[in-house]
């Protein structure tokens, strides 16, 4: 079992909401290197109750689903 503090199971670890959803998205923010991903050395299984296994942990719903987002429905294609 992987420990709940194992960073390999935090799939969006290091996600910076300001870089993804920020109004400015300045060139300075884009030039900063992203943290390097380090693959685990062995296959491990995390428990379903492991808080680090929450794949969208720390994502701000207001930024993604806020009132300023356009609402539309896709046409049905047959």
PDB file of N, CA and C in Angstrom:
ATOM      1  N   UNK A   1       0.840  -1.184   0.000  1.00  0.00           N
ATOM      2  CA  UNK A   1       0.000   0.000   0.000  1.00  0.00           C
ATOM      3  C   UNK A   1       0.885   1.247   0.000  1.00  0.00           C
ATOM      4  N   UNK A   2       0.465   2.208  -0.765  1.00  0.00           N
ATOM      5  CA  UNK A   2       1.159   3.489  -0.753  1.00  0.00           C
ATOM      6  C   UNK A   2       0.678   4.297   0.443  1.00  0.00           C
ATOM      7  N   UNK A   3       1.555   5.064   0.996  1.00  0.00           N
ATOM      8  CA  UNK A   3       1.169   5.920   2.125  1.00  0.00           C
ATOM      9  C   UNK A   3       0.334   7.091   1.618  1.00  0.00           C
ATOM     10  N   UNK A   4      -0.517   7.612   2.475  1.00  0.00           N
ATOM     11  CA  UNK A   4      -1.384   8.725   2.070  1.00  0.00           C
ATOM     12  C   UNK A   4      -0.589   9.992   1.778  1.00  0.00           C
ATOM     13  N   UNK A   5       0.639  10.046   2.231  1.00  0.00           N
ATOM     14  CA  UNK A   5       1.481  11.211   1.980  1.00  0.00           C
ATOM     15  C   UNK A   5       2.365  11.030   0.750  1.00  0.00           C
ATOM     16  N   UNK A   6       2.207   9.924   0.034  1.00  0.00           N
ATOM     17  CA  UNK A   6       3.021   9.646  -1.143  1.00  0.00           C
ATOM     18  C   UNK A   6       2.650  10.627  -2.257  1.00  0.00           C
ATOM     19  N   UNK A   7       3.572  11.507  -2.663  1.00  0.00           N
ATOM     20  CA  UNK A   7       3.248  12.513  -3.672  1.00  0.00           C
ATOM     21  C   UNK A   7       2.965  11.930  -5.054  1.00  0.00           C
ATOM     22  N   UNK A   8       3.334  10.689  -5.287  1.00  0.00           N
ATOM     23  CA  UNK A   8       3.096  10.083  -6.598  1.00  0.00           C
ATOM     24  C   UNK A   8       1.617   9.877  -6.872  1.00  0.00           C
ATOM     25  N   UNK A   9       0.792   9.876  -5.849  1.00  0.00           N
ATOM     26  CA  UNK A   9      -0.631   9.644  -6.034  1.00  0.00           C
ATOM     27  C   UNK A   9      -1.441  10.925  -6.055  1.00  0.00           C
ATOM     28  N   UNK A  10      -0.796  12.046  -5.972  1.00  0.00           N
ATOM     29  CA  UNK A  10      -1.485  13.325  -6.098  1.00  0.00           C
ATOM     30  C   UNK A  10      -1.369  13.727  -7.562  1.00  0.00           C
ATOM     31  N   UNK A  11      -2.346  13.343  -8.376  1.00  0.00           N
ATOM     32  CA  UNK A  11      -2.202  13.464  -9.822  1.00  0.00           C
ATOM     33  C   UNK A  11      -2.141  14.895 -10.338  1.00  0.00           C
ATOM     34  N   UNK A  12      -2.704  15.832  -9.611  1.00  0.00           N
ATOM     35  CA  UNK A  12      -2.618  17.230 -10.022  1.00  0.00           C
ATOM     36  C   UNK A  12      -1.764  18.019  -9.036  1.00  0.00           C
ATOM     37  N   UNK A  13      -0.826  17.346  -8.414  1.00  0.00           N
ATOM     38  CA  UNK A  13       0.044  17.982  -7.430  1.00  0.00           C
ATOM     39  C   UNK A  13       0.833  19.096  -8.115  1.00  0.00           C
ATOM     40  N   UNK A  14       0.919  20.206  -7.466  1.00  0.00           N
ATOM     41  CA  UNK A  14       1.665  21.333  -8.005  1.00  0.00           C
ATOM     42  C   UNK A  14       0.870  22.188  -8.980  1.00  0.00           C
ATOM     43  N   UNK A  15      -0.412  21.883  -9.155  1.00  0.00           N
ATOM     44  CA  UNK A  15      -1.251  22.679 -10.044  1.00  0.00           C
ATOM     45  C   UNK A  15      -1.413  24.069  -9.432  1.00  0.00           C
ATOM     46  N   UNK A  16      -1.087  25.068 -10.194  1.00  0.00           N
ATOM     47  CA  UNK A  16      -1.194  26.446  -9.723  1.00  0.00           C
ATOM     48  C   UNK A  16      -2.432  27.069 -10.357  1.00  0.00           C
ATOM     49  N   UNK A  17      -3.484  27.248  -9.554  1.00  0.00           N
ATOM     50  CA  UNK A  17      -4.740  27.791 -10.076  1.00  0.00           C
ATOM     51  C   UNK A  17      -4.545  29.134 -10.774  1.00  0.00           C
ATOM     52  N   UNK A  18      -3.600  29.940 -10.299  1.00  0.00           N
ATOM     53  CA  UNK A  18      -3.369  31.245 -10.919  1.00  0.00           C
ATOM     54  C   UNK A  18      -2.838  31.082 -12.341  1.00  0.00           C
ATOM     55  N   UNK A  19      -2.014  30.057 -12.569  1.00  0.00           N
ATOM     56  CA  UNK A  19      -1.485  29.839 -13.916  1.00  0.00           C
ATOM     57  C   UNK A  19      -2.552  29.289 -14.850  1.00  0.00           C
ATOM     58  N   UNK A  20      -3.444  28.470 -14.311  1.00  0.00           N
ATOM     59  CA  UNK A  20      -4.460  27.831 -15.144  1.00  0.00           C
ATOM     60  C   UNK A  20      -5.659  28.737 -15.365  1.00  0.00           C
ATOM     61  N   UNK A  21      -6.135  29.368 -14.297  1.00  0.00           N
ATOM     62  CA  UNK A  21      -7.376  30.129 -14.368  1.00  0.00           C
ATOM     63  C   UNK A  21      -7.196  31.627 -14.168  1.00  0.00           C
ATOM     64  N   UNK A  22      -5.975  32.096 -13.990  1.00  0.00           N
ATOM     65  CA  UNK A  22      -5.731  33.503 -13.707  1.00  0.00           C
ATOM     66  C   UNK A  22      -6.117  34.412 -14.855  1.00  0.00           C
ATOM     67  N   UNK A  23      -6.479  35.640 -14.518  1.00  0.00           N
ATOM     68  CA  UNK A  23      -6.885  36.601 -15.537  1.00  0.00           C
ATOM     69  C   UNK A  23      -5.701  37.078 -16.375  1.00  0.00           C
ATOM     70  N   UNK A  24      -4.542  37.168 -15.750  1.00  0.00           N
ATOM     71  CA  UNK A  24      -3.416  37.750 -16.465  1.00  0.00           C
ATOM     72  C   UNK A  24      -2.646  36.741 -17.322  1.00  0.00           C
ATOM     73  N   UNK A  25      -2.370  35.569 -16.783  1.00  0.00           N
ATOM     74  CA  UNK A  25      -1.574  34.560 -17.489  1.00  0.00           C
ATOM     75  C   UNK A  25      -0.357  35.223 -18.141  1.00  0.00           C
ATOM     76  N   UNK A  26       0.380  35.945 -17.345  1.00  0.00           N
ATOM     77  CA  UNK A  26       1.502  36.729 -17.844  1.00  0.00           C
ATOM     78  C   UNK A  26       2.623  35.842 -18.384  1.00  0.00           C
ATOM     79  N   UNK A  27       3.458  36.429 -19.187  1.00  0.00           N
ATOM     80  CA  UNK A  27       4.603  35.712 -19.748  1.00  0.00           C
ATOM     81  C   UNK A  27       5.533  35.252 -18.633  1.00  0.00           C
ATOM     82  N   UNK A  28       5.597  36.036 -17.559  1.00  0.00           N
ATOM     83  CA  UNK A  28       6.446  35.675 -16.422  1.00  0.00           C
ATOM     84  C   UNK A  28       5.981  34.364 -15.795  1.00  0.00           C
ATOM     85  N   UNK A  29       4.680  34.202 -15.633  1.00  0.00           N
ATOM     86  CA  UNK A  29       4.142  32.977 -15.041  1.00  0.00           C
ATOM     87  C   UNK A  29       4.387  31.781 -15.946  1.00  0.00           C
ATOM     88  N   UNK A  30       4.327  31.976 -17.245  1.00  0.00           N
ATOM     89  CA  UNK A  30       4.534  30.878 -18.189  1.00  0.00           C
ATOM     90  C   UNK A  30       5.997  30.453 -18.256  1.00  0.00           C
ATOM     91  N   UNK A  31       6.920  31.342 -17.922  1.00  0.00           N
ATOM     92  CA  UNK A  31       8.342  31.040 -18.013  1.00  0.00           C
ATOM     93  C   UNK A  31       8.847  30.228 -16.831  1.00  0.00           C
ATOM     94  N   UNK A  32       8.099  30.192 -15.744  1.00  0.00           N
ATOM     95  CA  UNK A  32       8.534  29.440 -14.575  1.00  0.00           C
ATOM     96  C   UNK A  32       8.395  27.952 -14.858  1.00  0.00           C
ATOM     97  N   UNK A  33       9.440  27.171 -14.577  1.00  0.00           N
ATOM     98  CA  UNK A  33       9.364  25.734 -14.863  1.00  0.00           C
ATOM     99  C   UNK A  33       8.388  25.024 -13.931  1.00  0.00           C
ATOM    100  N   UNK A  34       7.728  24.025 -14.461  1.00  0.00           N
ATOM    101  CA  UNK A  34       6.820  23.208 -13.658  1.00  0.00           C
ATOM    102  C   UNK A  34       7.638  22.198 -12.872  1.00  0.00           C
ATOM    103  N   UNK A  35       7.116  21.747 -11.726  1.00  0.00           N
ATOM    104  CA  UNK A  35       7.841  20.737 -10.969  1.00  0.00           C
ATOM    105  C   UNK A  35       7.984  19.461 -11.797  1.00  0.00           C
ATOM    106  N   UNK A  36       9.129  18.814 -11.661  1.00  0.00           N
ATOM    107  CA  UNK A  36       9.388  17.598 -12.433  1.00  0.00           C
ATOM    108  C   UNK A  36       8.671  16.405 -11.815  1.00  0.00           C
ATOM    109  N   UNK A  37       8.016  15.620 -12.648  1.00  0.00           N
ATOM    110  CA  UNK A  37       7.313  14.428 -12.188  1.00  0.00           C
ATOM    111  C   UNK A  37       8.321  13.311 -11.973  1.00  0.00           C
ATOM    112  N   UNK A  38       8.213  12.640 -10.848  1.00  0.00           N
ATOM    113  CA  UNK A  38       9.096  11.515 -10.560  1.00  0.00           C
ATOM    114  C   UNK A  38       8.230  10.264 -10.450  1.00  0.00           C
ATOM    115  N   UNK A  39       8.423   9.337 -11.364  1.00  0.00           N
ATOM    116  CA  UNK A  39       7.637   8.104 -11.370  1.00  0.00           C
ATOM    117  C   UNK A  39       8.020   7.234 -10.181  1.00  0.00           C
ATOM    118  N   UNK A  40       7.061   6.509  -9.623  1.00  0.00           N
ATOM    119  CA  UNK A  40       7.378   5.614  -8.512  1.00  0.00           C
ATOM    120  C   UNK A  40       8.288   4.482  -8.977  1.00  0.00           C
ATOM    121  N   UNK A  41       9.109   3.979  -8.075  1.00  0.00           N
ATOM    122  CA  UNK A  41      10.055   2.919  -8.430  1.00  0.00           C
ATOM    123  C   UNK A  41       9.385   1.557  -8.517  1.00  0.00           C
ATOM    124  N   UNK A  42       8.246   1.385  -7.865  1.00  0.00           N
ATOM    125  CA  UNK A  42       7.535   0.103  -7.887  1.00  0.00           C
ATOM    126  C   UNK A  42       6.032   0.356  -7.994  1.00  0.00           C
ATOM    127  N   UNK A  43       5.319  -0.628  -8.522  1.00  0.00           N
ATOM    128  CA  UNK A  43       3.864  -0.520  -8.626  1.00  0.00           C
ATOM    129  C   UNK A  43       3.271  -0.651  -7.233  1.00  0.00           C
ATOM    130  N   UNK A  44       2.416   0.299  -6.866  1.00  0.00           N
ATOM    131  CA  UNK A  44       1.794   0.297  -5.550  1.00  0.00           C
ATOM    132  C   UNK A  44       0.307   0.586  -5.707  1.00  0.00           C
ATOM    133  N   UNK A  45      -0.464   0.199  -4.721  1.00  0.00           N
ATOM    134  CA  UNK A  45      -1.907   0.416  -4.749  1.00  0.00           C
ATOM    135  C   UNK A  45      -2.289   1.326  -3.589  1.00  0.00           C
ATOM    136  N   UNK A  46      -3.048   2.368  -3.895  1.00  0.00           N
ATOM    137  CA  UNK A  46      -3.532   3.270  -2.850  1.00  0.00           C
ATOM    138  C   UNK A  46      -4.943   2.853  -2.463  1.00  0.00           C
ATOM    139  N   UNK A  47      -5.301   3.045  -1.213  1.00  0.00           N
ATOM    140  CA  UNK A  47      -6.657   2.734  -0.755  1.00  0.00           C
ATOM    141  C   UNK A  47      -7.628   3.785  -1.275  1.00  0.00           C
ATOM    142  N   UNK A  48      -8.873   3.407  -1.444  1.00  0.00           N
ATOM    143  CA  UNK A  48      -9.872   4.355  -1.942  1.00  0.00           C
ATOM    144  C   UNK A  48     -10.145   5.471  -0.939  1.00  0.00           C
ATOM    145  N   UNK A  49      -9.784   5.271   0.312  1.00  0.00           N
ATOM    146  CA  UNK A  49      -9.983   6.294   1.341  1.00  0.00           C
ATOM    147  C   UNK A  49      -8.767   7.200   1.489  1.00  0.00           C
ATOM    148  N   UNK A  50      -7.766   6.987   0.686  1.00  0.00           N
ATOM    149  CA  UNK A  50      -6.533   7.762   0.743  1.00  0.00           C
ATOM    150  C   UNK A  50      -6.809   9.186   0.258  1.00  0.00           C
ATOM    151  N   UNK A  51      -6.642  10.211   1.116  1.00  0.00           N
ATOM    152  CA  UNK A  51      -6.956  11.581   0.704  1.00  0.00           C
ATOM    153  C   UNK A  51      -6.058  12.095  -0.420  1.00  0.00           C
ATOM    154  N   UNK A  52      -4.881  11.535  -0.586  1.00  0.00           N
ATOM    155  CA  UNK A  52      -3.999  11.973  -1.663  1.00  0.00           C
ATOM    156  C   UNK A  52      -4.409  11.397  -3.005  1.00  0.00           C
ATOM    157  N   UNK A  53      -5.321  10.447  -3.001  1.00  0.00           N
ATOM    158  CA  UNK A  53      -5.769   9.820  -4.237  1.00  0.00           C
ATOM    159  C   UNK A  53      -6.972  10.550  -4.828  1.00  0.00           C
ATOM    160  N   UNK A  54      -7.358  11.647  -4.218  1.00  0.00           N
ATOM    161  CA  UNK A  54      -8.440  12.468  -4.744  1.00  0.00           C
ATOM    162  C   UNK A  54      -7.872  13.249  -5.922  1.00  0.00           C
ATOM    163  N   UNK A  55      -8.234  12.853  -7.133  1.00  0.00           N
ATOM    164  CA  UNK A  55      -7.548  13.372  -8.313  1.00  0.00           C
ATOM    165  C   UNK A  55      -7.758  14.858  -8.573  1.00  0.00           C
ATOM    166  N   UNK A  56      -8.817  15.438  -8.067  1.00  0.00           N
ATOM    167  CA  UNK A  56      -9.048  16.868  -8.262  1.00  0.00           C
ATOM    168  C   UNK A  56      -8.937  17.628  -6.947  1.00  0.00           C
ATOM    169  N   UNK A  57      -8.152  17.102  -6.035  1.00  0.00           N
ATOM    170  CA  UNK A  57      -7.968  17.703  -4.720  1.00  0.00           C
ATOM    171  C   UNK A  57      -7.356  19.100  -4.874  1.00  0.00           C
ATOM    172  N   UNK A  58      -7.928  20.062  -4.205  1.00  0.00           N
ATOM    173  CA  UNK A  58      -7.391  21.414  -4.219  1.00  0.00           C
ATOM    174  C   UNK A  58      -7.829  22.256  -5.407  1.00  0.00           C
ATOM    175  N   UNK A  59      -8.622  21.699  -6.299  1.00  0.00           N
ATOM    176  CA  UNK A  59      -9.100  22.461  -7.443  1.00  0.00           C
ATOM    177  C   UNK A  59     -10.242  23.360  -6.985  1.00  0.00           C
ATOM    178  N   UNK A  60     -10.214  24.605  -7.371  1.00  0.00           N
ATOM    179  CA  UNK A  60     -11.214  25.567  -6.933  1.00  0.00           C
ATOM    180  C   UNK A  60     -12.422  25.511  -7.871  1.00  0.00           C
ATOM    181  N   UNK A  61     -13.540  24.967  -7.392  1.00  0.00           N
ATOM    182  CA  UNK A  61     -14.745  24.818  -8.216  1.00  0.00           C
ATOM    183  C   UNK A  61     -15.275  26.147  -8.735  1.00  0.00           C
ATOM    184  N   UNK A  62     -15.120  27.213  -7.976  1.00  0.00           N
ATOM    185  CA  UNK A  62     -15.608  28.520  -8.424  1.00  0.00           C
ATOM    186  C   UNK A  62     -14.867  28.976  -9.679  1.00  0.00           C
ATOM    187  N   UNK A  63     -13.587  28.626  -9.778  1.00  0.00           N
ATOM    188  CA  UNK A  63     -12.817  28.986 -10.967  1.00  0.00           C
ATOM    189  C   UNK A  63     -13.261  28.189 -12.190  1.00  0.00           C
ATOM    190  N   UNK A  64     -13.667  26.952 -11.974  1.00  0.00           N
ATOM    191  CA  UNK A  64     -14.033  26.073 -13.085  1.00  0.00           C
ATOM    192  C   UNK A  64     -15.497  26.204 -13.463  1.00  0.00           C
ATOM    193  N   UNK A  65     -16.372  26.241 -12.450  1.00  0.00           N
ATOM    194  CA  UNK A  65     -17.809  26.217 -12.694  1.00  0.00           C
ATOM    195  C   UNK A  65     -18.504  27.510 -12.287  1.00  0.00           C
ATOM    196  N   UNK A  66     -17.768  28.608 -12.193  1.00  0.00           N
ATOM    197  CA  UNK A  66     -18.321  29.875 -11.731  1.00  0.00           C
ATOM    198  C   UNK A  66     -19.391  30.441 -12.650  1.00  0.00           C
ATOM    199  N   UNK A  67     -20.083  31.459 -12.150  1.00  0.00           N
ATOM    200  CA  UNK A  67     -21.185  32.078 -12.899  1.00  0.00           C
ATOM    201  C   UNK A  67     -20.706  32.764 -14.171  1.00  0.00           C
ATOM    202  N   UNK A  68     -19.423  33.086 -14.233  1.00  0.00           N
ATOM    203  CA  UNK A  68     -18.916  33.773 -15.418  1.00  0.00           C
ATOM    204  C   UNK A  68     -18.664  32.819 -16.590  1.00  0.00           C
ATOM    205  N   UNK A  69     -18.884  31.526 -16.407  1.00  0.00           N
ATOM    206  CA  UNK A  69     -18.702  30.554 -17.484  1.00  0.00           C
ATOM    207  C   UNK A  69     -19.947  30.512 -18.360  1.00  0.00           C
ATOM    208  N   UNK A  70     -19.769  30.390 -19.645  1.00  0.00           N
ATOM    209  CA  UNK A  70     -20.880  30.347 -20.594  1.00  0.00           C
ATOM    210  C   UNK A  70     -21.557  28.989 -20.504  1.00  0.00           C
ATOM    211  N   UNK A  71     -22.873  29.007 -20.473  1.00  0.00           N
ATOM    212  CA  UNK A  71     -23.634  27.767 -20.418  1.00  0.00           C
ATOM    213  C   UNK A  71     -24.250  27.505 -21.787  1.00  0.00           C
ATOM    214  N   UNK A  72     -23.998  26.333 -22.319  1.00  0.00           N
ATOM    215  CA  UNK A  72     -24.599  25.957 -23.591  1.00  0.00           C
ATOM    216  C   UNK A  72     -24.780  24.450 -23.611  1.00  0.00           C
ATOM    217  N   UNK A  73     -25.637  24.004 -24.480  1.00  0.00           N
ATOM    218  CA  UNK A  73     -25.809  22.562 -24.627  1.00  0.00           C
ATOM    219  C   UNK A  73     -25.317  22.158 -26.005  1.00  0.00           C
ATOM    220  N   UNK A  74     -24.743  20.991 -26.082  1.00  0.00           N
ATOM    221  CA  UNK A  74     -24.236  20.497 -27.354  1.00  0.00           C
ATOM    222  C   UNK A  74     -25.388  19.904 -28.160  1.00  0.00           C
ATOM    223  N   UNK A  75     -25.347  20.069 -29.459  1.00  0.00           N
ATOM    224  CA  UNK A  75     -26.393  19.460 -30.283  1.00  0.00           C
ATOM    225  C   UNK A  75     -26.251  17.939 -30.291  1.00  0.00           C
ATOM    226  N   UNK A  76     -27.363  17.271 -30.405  1.00  0.00           N
ATOM    227  CA  UNK A  76     -27.344  15.816 -30.463  1.00  0.00           C
ATOM    228  C   UNK A  76     -26.983  15.405 -31.882  1.00  0.00           C
ATOM    229  N   UNK A  77     -25.941  14.608 -31.993  1.00  0.00           N
ATOM    230  CA  UNK A  77     -25.484  14.142 -33.298  1.00  0.00           C
ATOM    231  C   UNK A  77     -25.797  12.666 -33.403  1.00  0.00           C
ATOM    232  N   UNK A  78     -26.488  12.287 -34.470  1.00  0.00           N
ATOM    233  CA  UNK A  78     -26.805  10.861 -34.616  1.00  0.00           C
ATOM    234  C   UNK A  78     -26.110  10.258 -35.811  1.00  0.00           C
TER     235      UNK A  78
END
